[in-house]
Amino acid sequence: ERVAVLGRLFVLPEARGYALGERL
């Protein structure tokens, strides 16, 4: 299987709770 790595995913604390991490 061909793979890639998801990483360096972060959201500022004050921007959390709006599903931005999920959308990224």
PDB file of all heavy atoms in Angstrom:
ATOM      1  N   GLU A   1       0.830  -1.199   0.000  1.00  0.00           N
ATOM      2  CA  GLU A   1       0.000   0.000   0.000  1.00  0.00           C
ATOM      3  C   GLU A   1       0.873   1.261   0.000  1.00  0.00           C
ATOM      4  O   GLU A   1       1.859   1.344   0.723  1.00  0.00           O
ATOM      5  CB  GLU A   1      -0.916  -0.013   1.236  1.00  0.00           C
ATOM      6  CG  GLU A   1      -2.074   0.924   1.119  1.00  0.00           C
ATOM      7  CD  GLU A   1      -3.148   0.617   2.140  1.00  0.00           C
ATOM      8  OE1 GLU A   1      -2.817   0.302   3.288  1.00  0.00           O
ATOM      9  OE2 GLU A   1      -4.325   0.704   1.774  1.00  0.00           O
ATOM     10  N   ARG A   2       0.499   2.219  -0.844  1.00  0.00           N
ATOM     11  CA  ARG A   2       1.192   3.511  -0.886  1.00  0.00           C
ATOM     12  C   ARG A   2       0.732   4.346   0.303  1.00  0.00           C
ATOM     13  O   ARG A   2      -0.473   4.476   0.536  1.00  0.00           O
ATOM     14  CB  ARG A   2       0.871   4.238  -2.191  1.00  0.00           C
ATOM     15  CG  ARG A   2       1.431   3.535  -3.420  1.00  0.00           C
ATOM     16  CD  ARG A   2       1.074   4.268  -4.711  1.00  0.00           C
ATOM     17  NE  ARG A   2       1.504   5.652  -4.673  1.00  0.00           N
ATOM     18  CZ  ARG A   2       0.734   6.689  -5.046  1.00  0.00           C
ATOM     19  NH1 ARG A   2      -0.483   6.489  -5.496  1.00  0.00           N
ATOM     20  NH2 ARG A   2       1.208   7.911  -5.000  1.00  0.00           N
ATOM     21  N   VAL A   3       1.680   4.915   1.041  1.00  0.00           N
ATOM     22  CA  VAL A   3       1.329   5.651   2.250  1.00  0.00           C
ATOM     23  C   VAL A   3       1.914   7.057   2.235  1.00  0.00           C
ATOM     24  O   VAL A   3       2.873   7.353   1.521  1.00  0.00           O
ATOM     25  CB  VAL A   3       1.786   4.926   3.537  1.00  0.00           C
ATOM     26  CG1 VAL A   3       1.116   3.585   3.677  1.00  0.00           C
ATOM     27  CG2 VAL A   3       3.289   4.798   3.596  1.00  0.00           C
ATOM     28  N   ALA A   4       1.297   7.894   3.052  1.00  0.00           N
ATOM     29  CA  ALA A   4       1.817   9.221   3.370  1.00  0.00           C
ATOM     30  C   ALA A   4       1.550   9.439   4.852  1.00  0.00           C
ATOM     31  O   ALA A   4       0.768   8.710   5.468  1.00  0.00           O
ATOM     32  CB  ALA A   4       1.135  10.301   2.529  1.00  0.00           C
ATOM     33  N   VAL A   5       2.186  10.452   5.418  1.00  0.00           N
ATOM     34  CA  VAL A   5       2.099  10.711   6.847  1.00  0.00           C
ATOM     35  C   VAL A   5       1.381  12.034   7.086  1.00  0.00           C
ATOM     36  O   VAL A   5       1.760  13.066   6.518  1.00  0.00           O
ATOM     37  CB  VAL A   5       3.505  10.757   7.481  1.00  0.00           C
ATOM     38  CG1 VAL A   5       3.417  11.053   8.969  1.00  0.00           C
ATOM     39  CG2 VAL A   5       4.250   9.452   7.222  1.00  0.00           C
ATOM     40  N   LEU A   6       0.348  11.991   7.919  1.00  0.00           N
ATOM     41  CA  LEU A   6      -0.325  13.212   8.364  1.00  0.00           C
ATOM     42  C   LEU A   6       0.405  13.703   9.604  1.00  0.00           C
ATOM     43  O   LEU A   6       0.657  12.933  10.528  1.00  0.00           O
ATOM     44  CB  LEU A   6      -1.792  12.932   8.696  1.00  0.00           C
ATOM     45  CG  LEU A   6      -2.574  14.085   9.324  1.00  0.00           C
ATOM     46  CD1 LEU A   6      -2.607  15.304   8.411  1.00  0.00           C
ATOM     47  CD2 LEU A   6      -3.983  13.635   9.679  1.00  0.00           C
ATOM     48  N   GLY A   7       0.752  14.973   9.622  1.00  0.00           N
ATOM     49  CA  GLY A   7       1.462  15.504  10.776  1.00  0.00           C
ATOM     50  C   GLY A   7       1.391  17.011  10.863  1.00  0.00           C
ATOM     51  O   GLY A   7       0.738  17.669  10.059  1.00  0.00           O
ATOM     52  N   ARG A   8       2.061  17.510  11.891  1.00  0.00           N
ATOM     53  CA  ARG A   8       2.142  18.950  12.134  1.00  0.00           C
ATOM     54  C   ARG A   8       0.759  19.584  12.134  1.00  0.00           C
ATOM     55  O   ARG A   8       0.555  20.676  11.634  1.00  0.00           O
ATOM     56  CB  ARG A   8       3.082  19.596  11.126  1.00  0.00           C
ATOM     57  CG  ARG A   8       4.545  19.203  11.363  1.00  0.00           C
ATOM     58  CD  ARG A   8       5.383  19.410  10.127  1.00  0.00           C
ATOM     59  NE  ARG A   8       6.794  19.302  10.334  1.00  0.00           N
ATOM     60  CZ  ARG A   8       7.473  18.157  10.510  1.00  0.00           C
ATOM     61  NH1 ARG A   8       6.840  17.011  10.545  1.00  0.00           N
ATOM     62  NH2 ARG A   8       8.781  18.159  10.657  1.00  0.00           N
ATOM     63  N   LEU A   9      -0.198  18.824  12.690  1.00  0.00           N
ATOM     64  CA  LEU A   9      -1.575  19.294  12.786  1.00  0.00           C
ATOM     65  C   LEU A   9      -1.764  19.940  14.154  1.00  0.00           C
ATOM     66  O   LEU A   9      -1.537  19.303  15.181  1.00  0.00           O
ATOM     67  CB  LEU A   9      -2.556  18.129  12.603  1.00  0.00           C
ATOM     68  CG  LEU A   9      -4.012  18.523  12.370  1.00  0.00           C
ATOM     69  CD1 LEU A   9      -4.731  17.430  11.614  1.00  0.00           C
ATOM     70  CD2 LEU A   9      -4.758  18.870  13.625  1.00  0.00           C
ATOM     71  N   PHE A  10      -2.149  21.197  14.143  1.00  0.00           N
ATOM     72  CA  PHE A  10      -2.399  21.909  15.401  1.00  0.00           C
ATOM     73  C   PHE A  10      -3.412  23.017  15.154  1.00  0.00           C
ATOM     74  O   PHE A  10      -3.587  23.491  14.026  1.00  0.00           O
ATOM     75  CB  PHE A  10      -1.103  22.482  15.997  1.00  0.00           C
ATOM     76  CG  PHE A  10      -0.375  23.444  15.097  1.00  0.00           C
ATOM     77  CD1 PHE A  10      -0.682  24.800  15.096  1.00  0.00           C
ATOM     78  CD2 PHE A  10       0.631  22.995  14.246  1.00  0.00           C
ATOM     79  CE1 PHE A  10       0.001  25.691  14.265  1.00  0.00           C
ATOM     80  CE2 PHE A  10       1.315  23.868  13.417  1.00  0.00           C
ATOM     81  CZ  PHE A  10       0.999  25.218  13.426  1.00  0.00           C
ATOM     82  N   VAL A  11      -4.076  23.410  16.237  1.00  0.00           N
ATOM     83  CA  VAL A  11      -5.041  24.511  16.219  1.00  0.00           C
ATOM     84  C   VAL A  11      -4.799  25.333  17.479  1.00  0.00           C
ATOM     85  O   VAL A  11      -4.601  24.775  18.573  1.00  0.00           O
ATOM     86  CB  VAL A  11      -6.496  23.980  16.191  1.00  0.00           C
ATOM     87  CG1 VAL A  11      -7.506  25.123  16.319  1.00  0.00           C
ATOM     88  CG2 VAL A  11      -6.756  23.176  14.917  1.00  0.00           C
ATOM     89  N   LEU A  12      -4.798  26.643  17.332  1.00  0.00           N
ATOM     90  CA  LEU A  12      -4.624  27.516  18.489  1.00  0.00           C
ATOM     91  C   LEU A  12      -5.681  27.212  19.552  1.00  0.00           C
ATOM     92  O   LEU A  12      -6.844  26.951  19.210  1.00  0.00           O
ATOM     93  CB  LEU A  12      -4.755  28.985  18.081  1.00  0.00           C
ATOM     94  CG  LEU A  12      -3.574  29.611  17.372  1.00  0.00           C
ATOM     95  CD1 LEU A  12      -3.927  31.013  16.876  1.00  0.00           C
ATOM     96  CD2 LEU A  12      -2.371  29.675  18.296  1.00  0.00           C
ATOM     97  N   PRO A  13      -5.315  27.271  20.831  1.00  0.00           N
ATOM     98  CA  PRO A  13      -6.291  26.967  21.882  1.00  0.00           C
ATOM     99  C   PRO A  13      -7.574  27.794  21.792  1.00  0.00           C
ATOM    100  O   PRO A  13      -8.672  27.262  21.955  1.00  0.00           O
ATOM    101  CB  PRO A  13      -5.523  27.277  23.171  1.00  0.00           C
ATOM    102  CG  PRO A  13      -4.089  27.082  22.808  1.00  0.00           C
ATOM    103  CD  PRO A  13      -3.981  27.529  21.365  1.00  0.00           C
ATOM    104  N   GLU A  14      -7.451  29.066  21.480  1.00  0.00           N
ATOM    105  CA  GLU A  14      -8.644  29.921  21.425  1.00  0.00           C
ATOM    106  C   GLU A  14      -9.512  29.660  20.194  1.00  0.00           C
ATOM    107  O   GLU A  14     -10.654  30.131  20.114  1.00  0.00           O
ATOM    108  CB  GLU A  14      -8.272  31.406  21.508  1.00  0.00           C
ATOM    109  CG  GLU A  14      -7.380  31.902  20.402  1.00  0.00           C
ATOM    110  CD  GLU A  14      -5.883  31.774  20.688  1.00  0.00           C
ATOM    111  OE1 GLU A  14      -5.464  30.948  21.511  1.00  0.00           O
ATOM    112  OE2 GLU A  14      -5.135  32.540  20.051  1.00  0.00           O
ATOM    113  N   ALA A  15      -9.014  28.887  19.232  1.00  0.00           N
ATOM    114  CA  ALA A  15      -9.784  28.561  18.022  1.00  0.00           C
ATOM    115  C   ALA A  15     -10.359  27.142  18.077  1.00  0.00           C
ATOM    116  O   ALA A  15     -10.968  26.689  17.118  1.00  0.00           O
ATOM    117  CB  ALA A  15      -8.901  28.731  16.784  1.00  0.00           C
ATOM    118  N   ARG A  16     -10.157  26.465  19.187  1.00  0.00           N
ATOM    119  CA  ARG A  16     -10.662  25.096  19.310  1.00  0.00           C
ATOM    120  C   ARG A  16     -12.157  25.121  19.609  1.00  0.00           C
ATOM    121  O   ARG A  16     -12.686  26.099  20.082  1.00  0.00           O
ATOM    122  CB  ARG A  16      -9.890  24.348  20.391  1.00  0.00           C
ATOM    123  CG  ARG A  16      -8.438  24.166  19.984  1.00  0.00           C
ATOM    124  CD  ARG A  16      -7.600  23.508  21.041  1.00  0.00           C
ATOM    125  NE  ARG A  16      -6.196  23.550  20.614  1.00  0.00           N
ATOM    126  CZ  ARG A  16      -5.182  23.437  21.425  1.00  0.00           C
ATOM    127  NH1 ARG A  16      -5.364  23.239  22.710  1.00  0.00           N
ATOM    128  NH2 ARG A  16      -3.947  23.499  20.956  1.00  0.00           N
ATOM    129  N   GLY A  17     -12.805  24.010  19.312  1.00  0.00           N
ATOM    130  CA  GLY A  17     -14.242  23.919  19.540  1.00  0.00           C
ATOM    131  C   GLY A  17     -15.057  24.247  18.301  1.00  0.00           C
ATOM    132  O   GLY A  17     -16.281  24.273  18.348  1.00  0.00           O
ATOM    133  N   TYR A  18     -14.384  24.516  17.188  1.00  0.00           N
ATOM    134  CA  TYR A  18     -15.067  24.841  15.932  1.00  0.00           C
ATOM    135  C   TYR A  18     -14.773  23.803  14.845  1.00  0.00           C
ATOM    136  O   TYR A  18     -14.949  24.073  13.658  1.00  0.00           O
ATOM    137  CB  TYR A  18     -14.646  26.231  15.439  1.00  0.00           C
ATOM    138  CG  TYR A  18     -14.989  27.316  16.424  1.00  0.00           C
ATOM    139  CD1 TYR A  18     -14.013  27.828  17.276  1.00  0.00           C
ATOM    140  CD2 TYR A  18     -16.288  27.807  16.519  1.00  0.00           C
ATOM    141  CE1 TYR A  18     -14.328  28.814  18.198  1.00  0.00           C
ATOM    142  CE2 TYR A  18     -16.603  28.791  17.448  1.00  0.00           C
ATOM    143  CZ  TYR A  18     -15.618  29.284  18.282  1.00  0.00           C
ATOM    144  OH  TYR A  18     -15.939  30.247  19.196  1.00  0.00           O
ATOM    145  N   ALA A  19     -14.290  22.630  15.258  1.00  0.00           N
ATOM    146  CA  ALA A  19     -14.012  21.508  14.355  1.00  0.00           C
ATOM    147  C   ALA A  19     -12.921  21.816  13.324  1.00  0.00           C
ATOM    148  O   ALA A  19     -12.877  21.187  12.274  1.00  0.00           O
ATOM    149  CB  ALA A  19     -15.286  21.028  13.666  1.00  0.00           C
ATOM    150  N   LEU A  20     -12.044  22.756  13.628  1.00  0.00           N
ATOM    151  CA  LEU A  20     -10.975  23.077  12.677  1.00  0.00           C
ATOM    152  C   LEU A  20      -9.968  21.943  12.559  1.00  0.00           C
ATOM    153  O   LEU A  20      -9.491  21.647  11.460  1.00  0.00           O
ATOM    154  CB  LEU A  20     -10.281  24.377  13.078  1.00  0.00           C
ATOM    155  CG  LEU A  20     -11.161  25.627  13.030  1.00  0.00           C
ATOM    156  CD1 LEU A  20     -10.403  26.832  13.580  1.00  0.00           C
ATOM    157  CD2 LEU A  20     -11.661  25.875  11.626  1.00  0.00           C
ATOM    158  N   GLY A  21      -9.635  21.292  13.661  1.00  0.00           N
ATOM    159  CA  GLY A  21      -8.750  20.141  13.599  1.00  0.00           C
ATOM    160  C   GLY A  21      -9.350  19.033  12.760  1.00  0.00           C
ATOM    161  O   GLY A  21      -8.668  18.417  11.937  1.00  0.00           O
ATOM    162  N   GLU A  22     -10.633  18.803  12.932  1.00  0.00           N
ATOM    163  CA  GLU A  22     -11.325  17.795  12.126  1.00  0.00           C
ATOM    164  C   GLU A  22     -11.320  18.179  10.655  1.00  0.00           C
ATOM    165  O   GLU A  22     -11.071  17.345   9.784  1.00  0.00           O
ATOM    166  CB  GLU A  22     -12.761  17.612  12.609  1.00  0.00           C
ATOM    167  CG  GLU A  22     -13.534  16.609  11.785  1.00  0.00           C
ATOM    168  CD  GLU A  22     -14.931  16.341  12.300  1.00  0.00           C
ATOM    169  OE1 GLU A  22     -15.210  16.609  13.491  1.00  0.00           O
ATOM    170  OE2 GLU A  22     -15.752  15.855  11.499  1.00  0.00           O
ATOM    171  N   ARG A  23     -11.576  19.435  10.368  1.00  0.00           N
ATOM    172  CA  ARG A  23     -11.591  19.878   8.969  1.00  0.00           C
ATOM    173  C   ARG A  23     -10.208  19.761   8.327  1.00  0.00           C
ATOM    174  O   ARG A  23     -10.095  19.375   7.160  1.00  0.00           O
ATOM    175  CB  ARG A  23     -12.139  21.299   8.885  1.00  0.00           C
ATOM    176  CG  ARG A  23     -13.637  21.344   9.209  1.00  0.00           C
ATOM    177  CD  ARG A  23     -14.193  22.738   9.264  1.00  0.00           C
ATOM    178  NE  ARG A  23     -14.004  23.435   7.998  1.00  0.00           N
ATOM    179  CZ  ARG A  23     -14.065  24.749   7.882  1.00  0.00           C
ATOM    180  NH1 ARG A  23     -14.298  25.504   8.947  1.00  0.00           N
ATOM    181  NH2 ARG A  23     -13.886  25.323   6.713  1.00  0.00           N
ATOM    182  N   LEU A  24      -9.163  20.083   9.077  1.00  0.00           N
ATOM    183  CA  LEU A  24      -7.808  19.912   8.554  1.00  0.00           C
ATOM    184  C   LEU A  24      -7.518  18.442   8.288  1.00  0.00           C
ATOM    185  O   LEU A  24      -6.970  18.084   7.233  1.00  0.00           O
ATOM    186  CB  LEU A  24      -6.787  20.489   9.540  1.00  0.00           C
ATOM    187  CG  LEU A  24      -6.713  22.014   9.610  1.00  0.00           C
ATOM    188  CD1 LEU A  24      -6.014  22.461  10.888  1.00  0.00           C
ATOM    189  CD2 LEU A  24      -6.003  22.569   8.380  1.00  0.00           C
TER     190      LEU A  24
END
